Amino acid sequence: MKVMVLRTITSLDVNKSPLELTELPVPIPENNEILVKVSVCGVCHTELDEIEGRTAPSKFPIIPGHQIVGRVEKTGSKTSRFNIGDRVGIAWIHSACGRCKYCRGGMENLCDDFKATGRDAHGGYGEYTTVPEAFAYAIPELFSDAEAAPLLCAGAIGYRSLRLANMHDHENIGLTGFGASAHLVLKMVKHLYPKAGIFVFSRTEQERAFARELGAQWAGDTSDSPPEKLHAVIDTTPAWKPVVEAMKHLVRGGRLVINAIRKEERDKEALLTLDYSRDLWMEKEIKSVANITRRDVEEFLPLAAEMRIRPEFEEYPLEQANRALLELKERKIRGAKVLSVSGSKGAR
């Protein structure tokens, strides 16, 4: 099968083509797994973190990609949920132990044996992949394959972030960074909290204009002050400075939710400007998002169909994965980026 593989950690500032197009054998599913013929795979900022070593793969070579949509090609001997030909999605959570207190409590994202698709197990930048059946999801018929892909990570992690933000109607929410996840969160907020104020912070005017186009009340630079205080902020950037800036804008008891798997080291000195009395006192909170659970995906997909969310996306052939990643690194973003692996099909 045709795949794009990462063979070593590298910097995209130096190496513009970190993934190599090659051929590998089609994997054979274990007893509890399904073999999926990949149609499309979303491109996520987490792939940049893997390539550049902020969340390093546990093995090399590795096939990245964790926003996978495809059809079941083969089933293991102990599977029962899906049939051959079913359309399924695969998300960041590839597997967990199923026995620890976190797994038993529905928090398998905190399991010590958490394995991530495309980092600890081969992902969707290839024509076939396998996954334990319990960690695959039925895709609502409403969505095409390319529309569904961003929902599996950008959408599901955005949904989790919004839940953790403890948001209520009539309140103000800030979105720092406006890529694949944040543009879906904006759509969720408008549906779930129609009287909420939405304030977007972004470094580029293109993203700010996109946010206003989707219904943001205000959009400014990361260092700008919004016209109103915010009850919650969801930060999706890889930088530290937006954390400091967001804390300044929160009301008393407000909450910052950091939706980023890692923060880049280069601007960590920005944290030195965090002032306790100004930025943290009065019971302000900072909450991190650690991966997603199966519950997040299972709840979000039907909700997205109910809301009739239509992710904005740009589509690339598999062979242009490096180009898509480089554009993501350079913030050339409008919505999500999706790789077409074996043809993007499905209902619209």
Protein backbone atom coordinates (compact mmCIF):
# COMPACT_ATOMS: atom_id res chain seq x y z
CA MET A 1 0.00 0.00 0.00
CA LYS A 2 1.03 3.61 -0.61
CA VAL A 3 1.90 5.55 2.56
CA MET A 4 3.61 8.71 3.78
CA VAL A 5 5.96 7.89 6.67
CA LEU A 6 7.98 9.86 9.19
CA ARG A 7 11.38 8.29 9.82
CA THR A 8 12.87 10.70 12.36
CA ILE A 9 12.20 13.86 14.34
CA THR A 10 13.09 16.97 12.37
CA SER A 11 12.34 20.67 12.12
CA LEU A 12 10.03 21.92 9.42
CA ASP A 13 12.01 25.15 9.45
CA VAL A 14 14.94 23.14 8.07
CA ASN A 15 13.34 20.12 6.40
CA LYS A 16 10.38 21.09 4.23
CA SER A 17 9.58 17.46 3.31
CA PRO A 18 9.71 15.43 6.54
CA LEU A 19 7.41 12.68 5.24
CA GLU A 20 8.53 10.12 2.66
CA LEU A 21 6.23 8.51 0.10
CA THR A 22 6.83 4.75 0.14
CA GLU A 23 5.17 1.32 -0.04
CA LEU A 24 4.39 -0.92 2.94
CA PRO A 25 2.46 -4.21 3.27
CA VAL A 26 -1.25 -3.96 3.99
CA PRO A 27 -1.64 -4.60 7.75
CA ILE A 28 -3.46 -7.67 9.05
CA PRO A 29 -6.06 -6.96 11.76
CA GLU A 30 -5.75 -8.65 15.15
CA ASN A 31 -8.73 -10.55 16.57
CA ASN A 32 -10.28 -7.41 18.10
CA GLU A 33 -9.41 -5.10 15.21
CA ILE A 34 -10.86 -3.99 11.90
CA LEU A 35 -8.93 -3.22 8.72
CA VAL A 36 -10.00 0.10 7.22
CA LYS A 37 -9.45 1.22 3.65
CA VAL A 38 -8.73 4.91 4.15
CA SER A 39 -10.66 7.39 2.05
CA VAL A 40 -9.46 10.63 3.65
CA CYS A 41 -7.35 11.75 6.59
CA GLY A 42 -7.36 15.16 8.20
CA VAL A 43 -4.14 17.10 8.80
CA CYS A 44 -3.74 18.26 12.41
CA HIS A 45 -1.33 20.56 14.25
CA THR A 46 -0.47 17.53 16.37
CA GLU A 47 1.34 16.11 13.35
CA LEU A 48 3.66 19.12 13.57
CA ASP A 49 4.23 18.29 17.25
CA GLU A 50 5.09 14.70 16.31
CA ILE A 51 7.42 15.69 13.48
CA GLU A 52 9.25 18.29 15.56
CA GLY A 53 9.41 16.14 18.69
CA ARG A 54 7.07 17.91 21.11
CA THR A 55 5.07 14.69 21.36
CA ALA A 56 7.47 12.20 19.83
CA PRO A 57 6.28 8.97 18.17
CA SER A 58 7.03 5.83 20.16
CA LYS A 59 8.40 4.08 17.07
CA PHE A 60 9.87 4.81 13.65
CA PRO A 61 8.97 4.72 10.86
CA ILE A 62 5.47 5.85 11.74
CA ILE A 63 2.50 6.63 9.51
CA PRO A 64 0.94 9.83 10.92
CA GLY A 65 -2.71 10.86 10.80
CA HIS A 66 -5.57 10.51 13.26
CA GLN A 67 -8.64 12.04 11.58
CA ILE A 68 -9.44 9.01 9.45
CA VAL A 69 -12.54 8.15 7.46
CA GLY A 70 -12.81 4.96 5.43
CA ARG A 71 -14.60 1.67 4.84
CA VAL A 72 -14.21 -1.59 6.75
CA GLU A 73 -12.24 -3.94 4.50
CA LYS A 74 -11.77 -6.86 6.89
CA THR A 75 -12.79 -7.78 10.44
CA GLY A 76 -10.99 -9.72 13.17
CA SER A 77 -12.37 -12.95 14.55
CA LYS A 78 -13.62 -11.33 17.79
CA THR A 79 -15.31 -8.26 16.33
CA SER A 80 -19.07 -7.71 16.08
CA ARG A 81 -19.87 -3.97 15.87
CA PHE A 82 -19.06 -3.34 12.21
CA ASN A 83 -19.52 -5.18 8.94
CA ILE A 84 -17.41 -5.14 5.81
CA GLY A 85 -18.27 -2.02 3.81
CA ASP A 86 -19.38 0.06 6.81
CA ARG A 87 -18.11 3.63 6.88
CA VAL A 88 -16.14 4.36 10.04
CA GLY A 89 -13.99 7.04 11.59
CA ILE A 90 -10.83 6.72 13.66
CA ALA A 91 -9.72 9.44 16.06
CA TRP A 92 -6.61 10.33 18.12
CA ILE A 93 -7.39 7.75 20.81
CA HIS A 94 -6.29 4.44 19.31
CA SER A 95 -6.54 2.32 22.46
CA ALA A 96 -6.24 2.24 26.25
CA CYS A 97 -5.85 -0.51 28.84
CA GLY A 98 -9.55 -0.72 29.76
CA ARG A 99 -8.70 -1.81 33.33
CA CYS A 100 -7.31 1.17 35.26
CA LYS A 101 -9.43 3.58 37.32
CA TYR A 102 -9.34 6.15 34.52
CA CYS A 103 -10.62 3.71 31.90
CA ARG A 104 -13.29 2.37 34.25
CA GLY A 105 -14.39 5.94 34.95
CA GLY A 106 -14.67 6.90 31.27
CA MET A 107 -11.44 8.92 31.37
CA GLU A 108 -9.32 6.63 29.21
CA ASN A 109 -7.61 9.73 27.83
CA LEU A 110 -5.63 9.76 31.12
CA CYS A 111 -4.71 6.06 31.01
CA ASP A 112 -1.00 5.27 31.47
CA ASP A 113 -1.32 2.91 28.49
CA PHE A 114 -3.06 5.47 26.25
CA LYS A 115 -1.97 4.96 22.65
CA ALA A 116 -2.44 7.62 20.01
CA THR A 117 -3.30 6.99 16.38
CA GLY A 118 -0.47 8.13 14.13
CA ARG A 119 1.99 8.43 17.01
CA ASP A 120 2.00 5.10 18.87
CA ALA A 121 0.17 3.14 16.15
CA HIS A 122 0.12 3.67 12.39
CA GLY A 123 -2.42 6.23 11.26
CA GLY A 124 -4.23 7.42 8.17
CA TYR A 125 -1.56 8.86 5.88
CA GLY A 126 -1.78 5.62 3.96
CA GLU A 127 -4.22 3.47 2.04
CA TYR A 128 -5.04 1.06 4.89
CA THR A 129 -4.90 1.05 8.67
CA THR A 130 -6.11 -1.06 11.58
CA VAL A 131 -7.77 -0.10 14.86
CA PRO A 132 -9.43 -1.93 17.76
CA GLU A 133 -13.12 -2.10 16.90
CA ALA A 134 -14.06 -0.43 20.20
CA PHE A 135 -12.19 2.69 19.09
CA ALA A 136 -13.91 3.15 15.72
CA TYR A 137 -17.04 5.23 15.16
CA ALA A 138 -19.97 5.21 12.76
CA ILE A 139 -20.07 8.35 10.59
CA PRO A 140 -23.45 10.12 10.22
CA GLU A 141 -24.76 9.92 6.67
CA LEU A 142 -25.07 13.71 6.48
CA PHE A 143 -21.34 14.20 6.03
CA SER A 144 -19.05 13.51 3.12
CA ASP A 145 -15.81 11.75 3.99
CA ALA A 146 -13.83 15.01 3.75
CA GLU A 147 -16.35 16.86 5.93
CA ALA A 148 -16.31 14.10 8.55
CA ALA A 149 -12.51 13.91 8.93
CA PRO A 150 -12.04 17.20 10.84
CA LEU A 151 -14.91 16.30 13.14
CA LEU A 152 -12.94 13.35 14.54
CA CYS A 153 -10.26 15.53 16.14
CA ALA A 154 -10.71 19.24 15.58
CA GLY A 155 -14.42 18.86 16.25
CA ALA A 156 -14.30 16.30 19.06
CA ILE A 157 -11.48 18.03 20.96
CA GLY A 158 -13.27 21.34 20.46
CA TYR A 159 -16.40 19.77 21.91
CA ARG A 160 -14.43 18.53 24.92
CA SER A 161 -12.84 21.97 25.36
CA LEU A 162 -16.25 23.63 25.29
CA ARG A 163 -17.56 21.21 27.91
CA LEU A 164 -14.55 21.92 30.13
CA ALA A 165 -15.06 25.67 29.69
CA ASN A 166 -18.31 25.37 31.69
CA MET A 167 -19.97 27.81 29.31
CA HIS A 168 -23.49 29.24 29.72
CA ASP A 169 -25.73 31.26 27.45
CA HIS A 170 -25.48 35.08 27.71
CA GLU A 171 -21.79 34.70 28.62
CA ASN A 172 -18.75 35.75 26.57
CA ILE A 173 -16.25 33.26 25.21
CA GLY A 174 -12.87 33.93 23.64
CA LEU A 175 -11.21 31.73 21.02
CA THR A 176 -7.46 32.20 20.73
CA GLY A 177 -6.14 30.94 17.41
CA PHE A 178 -8.61 30.28 14.62
CA GLY A 179 -7.79 27.09 12.80
CA ALA A 180 -9.56 23.77 12.31
CA SER A 181 -10.77 23.31 15.89
CA ALA A 182 -11.68 26.90 16.78
CA HIS A 183 -13.81 27.48 13.69
CA LEU A 184 -15.88 24.42 14.64
CA VAL A 185 -16.14 25.58 18.27
CA LEU A 186 -17.51 28.90 17.02
CA LYS A 187 -20.23 27.02 15.15
CA MET A 188 -20.99 24.93 18.25
CA VAL A 189 -21.26 28.02 20.45
CA LYS A 190 -23.68 29.68 18.03
CA HIS A 191 -25.90 26.58 18.12
CA LEU A 192 -25.69 25.70 21.82
CA TYR A 193 -25.46 29.22 23.26
CA PRO A 194 -27.14 31.53 20.72
CA LYS A 195 -27.01 34.56 23.05
CA ALA A 196 -23.31 34.21 23.88
CA GLY A 197 -20.73 36.74 22.78
CA ILE A 198 -17.89 35.29 20.68
CA PHE A 199 -14.51 37.04 20.61
CA VAL A 200 -11.67 35.72 18.44
CA PHE A 201 -7.94 36.38 18.80
CA SER A 202 -5.67 35.61 15.86
CA ARG A 203 -2.33 36.76 14.49
CA THR A 204 -3.55 37.04 10.90
CA GLU A 205 -6.16 39.32 9.38
CA GLN A 206 -7.24 36.48 7.09
CA GLU A 207 -8.25 34.36 10.09
CA ARG A 208 -9.89 37.34 11.81
CA ALA A 209 -11.95 38.06 8.70
CA PHE A 210 -12.94 34.39 8.52
CA ALA A 211 -14.06 34.51 12.16
CA ARG A 212 -16.21 37.57 11.56
CA GLU A 213 -17.65 35.89 8.45
CA LEU A 214 -18.73 32.94 10.62
CA GLY A 215 -20.39 35.22 13.17
CA ALA A 216 -17.78 36.34 15.71
CA GLN A 217 -18.87 39.49 17.55
CA TRP A 218 -15.28 40.79 17.54
CA ALA A 219 -11.92 39.63 16.17
CA GLY A 220 -8.52 41.10 16.98
CA ASP A 221 -4.85 40.34 17.33
CA THR A 222 -3.65 38.08 20.14
CA SER A 223 -2.28 41.12 21.98
CA ASP A 224 -5.46 43.23 21.55
CA SER A 225 -7.97 43.79 24.34
CA PRO A 226 -11.57 42.79 23.58
CA PRO A 227 -14.33 45.32 24.20
CA GLU A 228 -15.82 43.13 26.96
CA LYS A 229 -14.47 40.80 29.64
CA LEU A 230 -14.70 37.07 28.95
CA HIS A 231 -16.17 34.28 31.06
CA ALA A 232 -14.11 31.62 29.28
CA VAL A 233 -11.31 31.38 26.75
CA ILE A 234 -10.29 28.36 24.69
CA ASP A 235 -6.69 28.56 23.52
CA THR A 236 -5.69 26.41 20.52
CA THR A 237 -2.29 27.94 19.83
CA PRO A 238 1.13 26.30 20.27
CA ALA A 239 2.53 29.43 22.00
CA TRP A 240 2.75 30.63 25.62
CA LYS A 241 2.05 34.34 25.11
CA PRO A 242 -1.69 33.80 24.36
CA VAL A 243 -2.04 32.11 27.76
CA VAL A 244 -0.82 35.24 29.53
CA GLU A 245 -2.94 37.52 27.36
CA ALA A 246 -6.08 35.41 27.86
CA MET A 247 -5.81 35.50 31.66
CA LYS A 248 -5.91 39.31 31.56
CA HIS A 249 -9.29 39.26 29.82
CA LEU A 250 -11.14 36.86 32.14
CA VAL A 251 -13.86 37.89 34.55
CA ARG A 252 -13.60 36.83 38.19
CA GLY A 253 -13.96 33.06 38.32
CA GLY A 254 -13.35 32.81 34.58
CA ARG A 255 -11.71 29.77 33.03
CA LEU A 256 -8.98 29.35 30.42
CA VAL A 257 -9.03 25.97 28.66
CA ILE A 258 -5.79 25.14 26.84
CA ASN A 259 -6.51 22.88 23.88
CA ALA A 260 -2.95 22.11 22.79
CA ILE A 261 -1.05 18.88 23.19
CA ARG A 262 2.21 20.77 23.72
CA LYS A 263 3.43 24.36 23.95
CA GLU A 264 6.50 25.42 22.03
CA GLU A 265 9.59 26.23 24.07
CA ARG A 266 10.70 29.29 22.14
CA ASP A 267 8.47 31.83 23.89
CA LYS A 268 8.15 30.30 27.36
CA GLU A 269 9.75 33.44 28.80
CA ALA A 270 6.33 35.03 28.16
CA LEU A 271 5.14 33.19 31.28
CA LEU A 272 7.41 35.42 33.36
CA THR A 273 4.99 38.27 32.70
CA LEU A 274 2.11 36.40 34.39
CA ASP A 275 1.08 38.58 37.32
CA TYR A 276 -0.70 36.83 40.17
CA SER A 277 -2.90 39.67 41.38
CA ARG A 278 -3.89 40.75 37.87
CA ASP A 279 -4.05 37.45 36.01
CA LEU A 280 -4.78 34.64 38.49
CA TRP A 281 -6.35 36.04 41.63
CA MET A 282 -10.13 36.06 42.11
CA GLU A 283 -10.42 32.32 41.44
CA LYS A 284 -9.54 32.35 37.78
CA GLU A 285 -8.78 28.87 36.48
CA ILE A 286 -6.48 27.27 33.92
CA LYS A 287 -7.56 23.86 32.63
CA SER A 288 -5.68 21.70 30.14
CA VAL A 289 -7.25 19.29 27.66
CA ALA A 290 -5.56 15.89 27.62
CA ASN A 291 -6.53 14.03 24.47
CA ILE A 292 -10.12 12.91 23.90
CA THR A 293 -12.24 10.06 25.20
CA ARG A 294 -14.48 7.79 23.20
CA ARG A 295 -17.42 9.55 24.82
CA ASP A 296 -16.34 12.85 23.24
CA VAL A 297 -16.41 11.39 19.74
CA GLU A 298 -19.56 9.34 20.28
CA GLU A 299 -21.48 12.36 21.61
CA PHE A 300 -20.09 14.91 19.21
CA LEU A 301 -20.69 13.16 15.87
CA PRO A 302 -24.51 12.96 16.23
CA LEU A 303 -24.52 16.48 17.71
CA ALA A 304 -22.61 17.74 14.68
CA ALA A 305 -25.19 16.10 12.43
CA GLU A 306 -28.03 17.63 14.44
CA MET A 307 -26.35 21.05 14.15
CA ARG A 308 -25.64 20.38 10.48
CA ILE A 309 -22.09 21.60 10.97
CA ARG A 310 -20.23 21.96 7.68
CA PRO A 311 -16.50 22.15 8.33
CA GLU A 312 -14.56 24.40 5.99
CA PHE A 313 -11.69 22.42 4.49
CA GLU A 314 -8.99 22.37 1.83
CA GLU A 315 -8.26 19.03 0.17
CA TYR A 316 -4.88 17.71 -0.98
CA PRO A 317 -3.77 14.42 -2.53
CA LEU A 318 -1.87 12.11 -0.17
CA GLU A 319 1.38 12.80 -2.02
CA GLN A 320 1.10 16.49 -1.05
CA ALA A 321 1.01 15.83 2.70
CA ASN A 322 4.26 17.75 3.18
CA ARG A 323 2.80 20.79 1.46
CA ALA A 324 -0.30 20.67 3.67
CA LEU A 325 1.83 20.40 6.79
CA LEU A 326 4.09 23.25 5.75
CA GLU A 327 1.09 25.50 5.07
CA LEU A 328 -0.27 24.58 8.50
CA LYS A 329 3.09 25.52 10.05
CA GLU A 330 3.03 28.83 8.18
CA ARG A 331 -0.56 29.53 9.31
CA LYS A 332 -1.94 29.37 5.76
CA ILE A 333 -5.24 28.11 7.07
CA ARG A 334 -8.90 28.41 6.25
CA GLY A 335 -10.74 25.83 8.28
CA ALA A 336 -9.22 22.34 8.12
CA LYS A 337 -6.85 20.51 5.78
CA VAL A 338 -7.72 17.02 4.50
CA LEU A 339 -5.71 14.47 2.51
CA SER A 340 -7.54 12.47 -0.15
CA VAL A 341 -6.09 8.99 0.11
CA SER A 342 -8.32 6.69 -1.93
CA GLY A 343 -11.04 9.10 -2.97
CA SER A 344 -13.31 11.31 -0.90
CA LYS A 345 -16.82 9.89 -1.04
CA GLY A 346 -19.98 9.92 1.03
CA ALA A 347 -23.26 11.73 1.48
CA ARG A 348 -23.47 15.50 1.37
